[in-house]
Amino acid sequence: SEALVTVIPSAANGAARNDFSFTPQMLS
């Protein structure tokens, strides 16, 4: 369990997005 990570989507310029939702396209 110490190896679990969080994946946060970011915009094209590298800035982190405020919404933590993934679209099906982002997951693919």
PDB file of all heavy atoms in Angstrom:
ATOM      1  N   SER A   1       0.812  -1.218   0.000  1.00  0.00           N
ATOM      2  CA  SER A   1       0.000   0.000   0.000  1.00  0.00           C
ATOM      3  C   SER A   1       0.848   1.271   0.000  1.00  0.00           C
ATOM      4  O   SER A   1       0.365   2.333  -0.381  1.00  0.00           O
ATOM      5  CB  SER A   1      -0.938   0.006   1.207  1.00  0.00           C
ATOM      6  OG  SER A   1      -0.211   0.000   2.414  1.00  0.00           O
ATOM      7  N   GLU A   2       2.108   1.181   0.410  1.00  0.00           N
ATOM      8  CA  GLU A   2       2.962   2.371   0.382  1.00  0.00           C
ATOM      9  C   GLU A   2       3.353   2.748  -1.037  1.00  0.00           C
ATOM     10  O   GLU A   2       3.871   3.836  -1.276  1.00  0.00           O
ATOM     11  CB  GLU A   2       4.216   2.156   1.235  1.00  0.00           C
ATOM     12  CG  GLU A   2       5.178   1.108   0.722  1.00  0.00           C
ATOM     13  CD  GLU A   2       4.798  -0.323   1.121  1.00  0.00           C
ATOM     14  OE1 GLU A   2       3.828  -0.513   1.861  1.00  0.00           O
ATOM     15  OE2 GLU A   2       5.476  -1.241   0.661  1.00  0.00           O
ATOM     16  N   ALA A   3       3.076   1.890  -2.016  1.00  0.00           N
ATOM     17  CA  ALA A   3       3.426   2.167  -3.402  1.00  0.00           C
ATOM     18  C   ALA A   3       2.264   2.762  -4.191  1.00  0.00           C
ATOM     19  O   ALA A   3       2.397   3.005  -5.383  1.00  0.00           O
ATOM     20  CB  ALA A   3       3.907   0.893  -4.087  1.00  0.00           C
ATOM     21  N   LEU A   4       1.122   3.006  -3.538  1.00  0.00           N
ATOM     22  CA  LEU A   4      -0.011   3.606  -4.237  1.00  0.00           C
ATOM     23  C   LEU A   4       0.298   5.057  -4.574  1.00  0.00           C
ATOM     24  O   LEU A   4       0.960   5.763  -3.815  1.00  0.00           O
ATOM     25  CB  LEU A   4      -1.272   3.536  -3.373  1.00  0.00           C
ATOM     26  CG  LEU A   4      -1.833   2.152  -3.129  1.00  0.00           C
ATOM     27  CD1 LEU A   4      -3.028   2.234  -2.198  1.00  0.00           C
ATOM     28  CD2 LEU A   4      -2.238   1.497  -4.429  1.00  0.00           C
ATOM     29  N   VAL A   5      -0.166   5.514  -5.718  1.00  0.00           N
ATOM     30  CA  VAL A   5       0.088   6.872  -6.170  1.00  0.00           C
ATOM     31  C   VAL A   5      -1.215   7.537  -6.574  1.00  0.00           C
ATOM     32  O   VAL A   5      -2.235   6.884  -6.766  1.00  0.00           O
ATOM     33  CB  VAL A   5       1.070   6.914  -7.360  1.00  0.00           C
ATOM     34  CG1 VAL A   5       2.422   6.384  -6.966  1.00  0.00           C
ATOM     35  CG2 VAL A   5       0.518   6.155  -8.538  1.00  0.00           C
ATOM     36  N   THR A   6      -1.171   8.845  -6.728  1.00  0.00           N
ATOM     37  CA  THR A   6      -2.301   9.617  -7.229  1.00  0.00           C
ATOM     38  C   THR A   6      -1.931  10.171  -8.594  1.00  0.00           C
ATOM     39  O   THR A   6      -0.851  10.740  -8.774  1.00  0.00           O
ATOM     40  CB  THR A   6      -2.611  10.792  -6.280  1.00  0.00           C
ATOM     41  OG1 THR A   6      -2.902  10.263  -4.995  1.00  0.00           O
ATOM     42  CG2 THR A   6      -3.788  11.592  -6.772  1.00  0.00           C
ATOM     43  N   VAL A   7      -2.824  10.008  -9.543  1.00  0.00           N
ATOM     44  CA  VAL A   7      -2.596  10.536 -10.881  1.00  0.00           C
ATOM     45  C   VAL A   7      -3.479  11.762 -11.029  1.00  0.00           C
ATOM     46  O   VAL A   7      -4.689  11.695 -10.842  1.00  0.00           O
ATOM     47  CB  VAL A   7      -2.939   9.497 -11.961  1.00  0.00           C
ATOM     48  CG1 VAL A   7      -2.737  10.071 -13.347  1.00  0.00           C
ATOM     49  CG2 VAL A   7      -2.107   8.244 -11.753  1.00  0.00           C
ATOM     50  N   ILE A   8      -2.870  12.915 -11.335  1.00  0.00           N
ATOM     51  CA  ILE A   8      -3.589  14.174 -11.472  1.00  0.00           C
ATOM     52  C   ILE A   8      -3.443  14.660 -12.907  1.00  0.00           C
ATOM     53  O   ILE A   8      -2.318  14.796 -13.402  1.00  0.00           O
ATOM     54  CB  ILE A   8      -3.043  15.232 -10.498  1.00  0.00           C
ATOM     55  CG1 ILE A   8      -3.196  14.749  -9.058  1.00  0.00           C
ATOM     56  CG2 ILE A   8      -3.739  16.566 -10.683  1.00  0.00           C
ATOM     57  CD1 ILE A   8      -2.534  15.633  -8.041  1.00  0.00           C
ATOM     58  N   PRO A   9      -4.544  14.895 -13.579  1.00  0.00           N
ATOM     59  CA  PRO A   9      -4.439  15.383 -14.963  1.00  0.00           C
ATOM     60  C   PRO A   9      -3.900  16.807 -14.998  1.00  0.00           C
ATOM     61  O   PRO A   9      -4.109  17.594 -14.080  1.00  0.00           O
ATOM     62  CB  PRO A   9      -5.881  15.322 -15.470  1.00  0.00           C
ATOM     63  CG  PRO A   9      -6.714  15.398 -14.249  1.00  0.00           C
ATOM     64  CD  PRO A   9      -5.935  14.748 -13.152  1.00  0.00           C
ATOM     65  N   SER A  10      -3.183  17.134 -16.038  1.00  0.00           N
ATOM     66  CA  SER A  10      -2.659  18.494 -16.192  1.00  0.00           C
ATOM     67  C   SER A  10      -2.998  19.001 -17.581  1.00  0.00           C
ATOM     68  O   SER A  10      -3.271  18.235 -18.498  1.00  0.00           O
ATOM     69  CB  SER A  10      -1.154  18.529 -15.970  1.00  0.00           C
ATOM     70  OG  SER A  10      -0.510  17.742 -16.937  1.00  0.00           O
ATOM     71  N   ALA A  11      -2.955  20.306 -17.709  1.00  0.00           N
ATOM     72  CA  ALA A  11      -3.222  20.941 -18.997  1.00  0.00           C
ATOM     73  C   ALA A  11      -1.987  20.790 -19.888  1.00  0.00           C
ATOM     74  O   ALA A  11      -0.934  20.334 -19.459  1.00  0.00           O
ATOM     75  CB  ALA A  11      -3.568  22.407 -18.794  1.00  0.00           C
ATOM     76  N   ALA A  12      -2.103  21.194 -21.130  1.00  0.00           N
ATOM     77  CA  ALA A  12      -0.994  21.065 -22.084  1.00  0.00           C
ATOM     78  C   ALA A  12       0.222  21.875 -21.649  1.00  0.00           C
ATOM     79  O   ALA A  12       1.356  21.495 -21.934  1.00  0.00           O
ATOM     80  CB  ALA A  12      -1.456  21.509 -23.464  1.00  0.00           C
ATOM     81  N   ASN A  13       0.011  22.971 -20.930  1.00  0.00           N
ATOM     82  CA  ASN A  13       1.143  23.795 -20.502  1.00  0.00           C
ATOM     83  C   ASN A  13       1.759  23.298 -19.194  1.00  0.00           C
ATOM     84  O   ASN A  13       2.658  23.923 -18.663  1.00  0.00           O
ATOM     85  CB  ASN A  13       0.721  25.258 -20.364  1.00  0.00           C
ATOM     86  CG  ASN A  13      -0.345  25.458 -19.301  1.00  0.00           C
ATOM     87  OD1 ASN A  13      -0.783  24.512 -18.661  1.00  0.00           O
ATOM     88  ND2 ASN A  13      -0.774  26.696 -19.128  1.00  0.00           N
ATOM     89  N   GLY A  14       1.263  22.186 -18.645  1.00  0.00           N
ATOM     90  CA  GLY A  14       1.840  21.616 -17.442  1.00  0.00           C
ATOM     91  C   GLY A  14       1.165  22.041 -16.162  1.00  0.00           C
ATOM     92  O   GLY A  14       1.495  21.539 -15.095  1.00  0.00           O
ATOM     93  N   ALA A  15       0.215  22.982 -16.236  1.00  0.00           N
ATOM     94  CA  ALA A  15      -0.482  23.425 -15.030  1.00  0.00           C
ATOM     95  C   ALA A  15      -1.495  22.364 -14.609  1.00  0.00           C
ATOM     96  O   ALA A  15      -2.196  21.788 -15.432  1.00  0.00           O
ATOM     97  CB  ALA A  15      -1.197  24.750 -15.289  1.00  0.00           C
ATOM     98  N   ALA A  16      -1.545  22.095 -13.320  1.00  0.00           N
ATOM     99  CA  ALA A  16      -2.493  21.090 -12.810  1.00  0.00           C
ATOM    100  C   ALA A  16      -3.914  21.627 -12.921  1.00  0.00           C
ATOM    101  O   ALA A  16      -4.171  22.812 -12.705  1.00  0.00           O
ATOM    102  CB  ALA A  16      -2.171  20.766 -11.363  1.00  0.00           C
ATOM    103  N   ARG A  17      -4.824  20.747 -13.266  1.00  0.00           N
ATOM    104  CA  ARG A  17      -6.234  21.131 -13.373  1.00  0.00           C
ATOM    105  C   ARG A  17      -6.894  21.027 -12.010  1.00  0.00           C
ATOM    106  O   ARG A  17      -6.486  20.244 -11.169  1.00  0.00           O
ATOM    107  CB  ARG A  17      -6.942  20.219 -14.367  1.00  0.00           C
ATOM    108  CG  ARG A  17      -6.461  20.442 -15.783  1.00  0.00           C
ATOM    109  CD  ARG A  17      -7.090  19.510 -16.758  1.00  0.00           C
ATOM    110  NE  ARG A  17      -8.516  19.309 -16.500  1.00  0.00           N
ATOM    111  CZ  ARG A  17      -9.262  18.481 -17.193  1.00  0.00           C
ATOM    112  NH1 ARG A  17      -8.732  17.782 -18.168  1.00  0.00           N
ATOM    113  NH2 ARG A  17     -10.530  18.338 -16.915  1.00  0.00           N
ATOM    114  N   ASN A  18      -7.938  21.805 -11.811  1.00  0.00           N
ATOM    115  CA  ASN A  18      -8.634  21.803 -10.525  1.00  0.00           C
ATOM    116  C   ASN A  18      -9.611  20.650 -10.389  1.00  0.00           C
ATOM    117  O   ASN A  18      -9.886  20.199  -9.296  1.00  0.00           O
ATOM    118  CB  ASN A  18      -9.363  23.131 -10.307  1.00  0.00           C
ATOM    119  CG  ASN A  18      -8.400  24.259 -10.065  1.00  0.00           C
ATOM    120  OD1 ASN A  18      -7.289  24.040  -9.599  1.00  0.00           O
ATOM    121  ND2 ASN A  18      -8.804  25.466 -10.381  1.00  0.00           N
ATOM    122  N   ASP A  19     -10.177  20.186 -11.491  1.00  0.00           N
ATOM    123  CA  ASP A  19     -11.097  19.055 -11.406  1.00  0.00           C
ATOM    124  C   ASP A  19     -10.291  17.767 -11.548  1.00  0.00           C
ATOM    125  O   ASP A  19      -9.411  17.646 -12.369  1.00  0.00           O
ATOM    126  CB  ASP A  19     -12.191  19.133 -12.474  1.00  0.00           C
ATOM    127  CG  ASP A  19     -11.623  19.091 -13.880  1.00  0.00           C
ATOM    128  OD1 ASP A  19     -10.424  19.386 -14.034  1.00  0.00           O
ATOM    129  OD2 ASP A  19     -12.372  18.762 -14.801  1.00  0.00           O
ATOM    130  N   PHE A  20     -10.574  16.810 -10.716  1.00  0.00           N
ATOM    131  CA  PHE A  20      -9.802  15.584 -10.707  1.00  0.00           C
ATOM    132  C   PHE A  20     -10.539  14.459 -11.425  1.00  0.00           C
ATOM    133  O   PHE A  20     -10.423  13.307 -11.080  1.00  0.00           O
ATOM    134  CB  PHE A  20      -9.502  15.166  -9.266  1.00  0.00           C
ATOM    135  CG  PHE A  20      -8.608  16.129  -8.568  1.00  0.00           C
ATOM    136  CD1 PHE A  20      -9.107  16.954  -7.589  1.00  0.00           C
ATOM    137  CD2 PHE A  20      -7.277  16.217  -8.899  1.00  0.00           C
ATOM    138  CE1 PHE A  20      -8.283  17.837  -6.937  1.00  0.00           C
ATOM    139  CE2 PHE A  20      -6.448  17.103  -8.256  1.00  0.00           C
ATOM    140  CZ  PHE A  20      -6.950  17.921  -7.275  1.00  0.00           C
ATOM    141  N   SER A  21     -11.294  14.805 -12.456  1.00  0.00           N
ATOM    142  CA  SER A  21     -12.032  13.786 -13.192  1.00  0.00           C
ATOM    143  C   SER A  21     -11.274  13.429 -14.468  1.00  0.00           C
ATOM    144  O   SER A  21     -10.656  14.269 -15.101  1.00  0.00           O
ATOM    145  CB  SER A  21     -13.425  14.292 -13.524  1.00  0.00           C
ATOM    146  OG  SER A  21     -13.342  15.459 -14.322  1.00  0.00           O
ATOM    147  N   PHE A  22     -11.349  12.172 -14.826  1.00  0.00           N
ATOM    148  CA  PHE A  22     -10.751  11.700 -16.063  1.00  0.00           C
ATOM    149  C   PHE A  22     -11.864  11.371 -17.041  1.00  0.00           C
ATOM    150  O   PHE A  22     -12.824  10.685 -16.693  1.00  0.00           O
ATOM    151  CB  PHE A  22      -9.919  10.437 -15.818  1.00  0.00           C
ATOM    152  CG  PHE A  22      -8.576  10.702 -15.233  1.00  0.00           C
ATOM    153  CD1 PHE A  22      -8.353  10.563 -13.883  1.00  0.00           C
ATOM    154  CD2 PHE A  22      -7.528  11.087 -16.048  1.00  0.00           C
ATOM    155  CE1 PHE A  22      -7.110  10.806 -13.352  1.00  0.00           C
ATOM    156  CE2 PHE A  22      -6.279  11.332 -15.520  1.00  0.00           C
ATOM    157  CZ  PHE A  22      -6.067  11.196 -14.171  1.00  0.00           C
ATOM    158  N   THR A  23     -11.726  11.829 -18.244  1.00  0.00           N
ATOM    159  CA  THR A  23     -12.671  11.464 -19.296  1.00  0.00           C
ATOM    160  C   THR A  23     -12.219  10.120 -19.882  1.00  0.00           C
ATOM    161  O   THR A  23     -11.057   9.724 -19.703  1.00  0.00           O
ATOM    162  CB  THR A  23     -12.699  12.530 -20.397  1.00  0.00           C
ATOM    163  OG1 THR A  23     -11.406  12.588 -21.007  1.00  0.00           O
ATOM    164  CG2 THR A  23     -13.073  13.887 -19.835  1.00  0.00           C
ATOM    165  N   PRO A  24     -13.089   9.417 -20.571  1.00  0.00           N
ATOM    166  CA  PRO A  24     -12.660   8.159 -21.202  1.00  0.00           C
ATOM    167  C   PRO A  24     -11.492   8.360 -22.169  1.00  0.00           C
ATOM    168  O   PRO A  24     -10.610   7.502 -22.268  1.00  0.00           O
ATOM    169  CB  PRO A  24     -13.914   7.680 -21.925  1.00  0.00           C
ATOM    170  CG  PRO A  24     -15.039   8.288 -21.154  1.00  0.00           C
ATOM    171  CD  PRO A  24     -14.532   9.607 -20.673  1.00  0.00           C
ATOM    172  N   GLN A  25     -11.470   9.500 -22.867  1.00  0.00           N
ATOM    173  CA  GLN A  25     -10.362   9.767 -23.785  1.00  0.00           C
ATOM    174  C   GLN A  25      -9.045   9.923 -23.012  1.00  0.00           C
ATOM    175  O   GLN A  25      -7.998   9.427 -23.440  1.00  0.00           O
ATOM    176  CB  GLN A  25     -10.636  11.044 -24.596  1.00  0.00           C
ATOM    177  CG  GLN A  25     -11.787  10.943 -25.562  1.00  0.00           C
ATOM    178  CD  GLN A  25     -13.135  11.198 -24.891  1.00  0.00           C
ATOM    179  OE1 GLN A  25     -13.202  11.616 -23.741  1.00  0.00           O
ATOM    180  NE2 GLN A  25     -14.208  10.919 -25.615  1.00  0.00           N
ATOM    181  N   MET A  26      -9.098  10.607 -21.876  1.00  0.00           N
ATOM    182  CA  MET A  26      -7.887  10.794 -21.072  1.00  0.00           C
ATOM    183  C   MET A  26      -7.378   9.453 -20.546  1.00  0.00           C
ATOM    184  O   MET A  26      -6.168   9.199 -20.508  1.00  0.00           O
ATOM    185  CB  MET A  26      -8.149  11.747 -19.915  1.00  0.00           C
ATOM    186  CG  MET A  26      -8.364  13.190 -20.337  1.00  0.00           C
ATOM    187  SD  MET A  26      -8.878  14.236 -18.966  1.00  0.00           S
ATOM    188  CE  MET A  26      -7.371  14.335 -18.048  1.00  0.00           C
ATOM    189  N   LEU A  27      -8.294   8.579 -20.147  1.00  0.00           N
ATOM    190  CA  LEU A  27      -7.886   7.266 -19.656  1.00  0.00           C
ATOM    191  C   LEU A  27      -7.253   6.425 -20.746  1.00  0.00           C
ATOM    192  O   LEU A  27      -6.264   5.718 -20.513  1.00  0.00           O
ATOM    193  CB  LEU A  27      -9.088   6.543 -19.041  1.00  0.00           C
ATOM    194  CG  LEU A  27      -9.578   7.096 -17.709  1.00  0.00           C
ATOM    195  CD1 LEU A  27     -10.844   6.398 -17.270  1.00  0.00           C
ATOM    196  CD2 LEU A  27      -8.509   6.978 -16.646  1.00  0.00           C
ATOM    197  N   SER A  28      -7.797   6.497 -21.959  1.00  0.00           N
ATOM    198  CA  SER A  28      -7.193   5.714 -23.050  1.00  0.00           C
ATOM    199  C   SER A  28      -5.815   6.263 -23.410  1.00  0.00           C
ATOM    200  O   SER A  28      -4.893   5.487 -23.694  1.00  0.00           O
ATOM    201  CB  SER A  28      -8.119   5.699 -24.265  1.00  0.00           C
ATOM    202  OG  SER A  28      -8.228   6.991 -24.822  1.00  0.00           O
TER     203      SER A  28
END
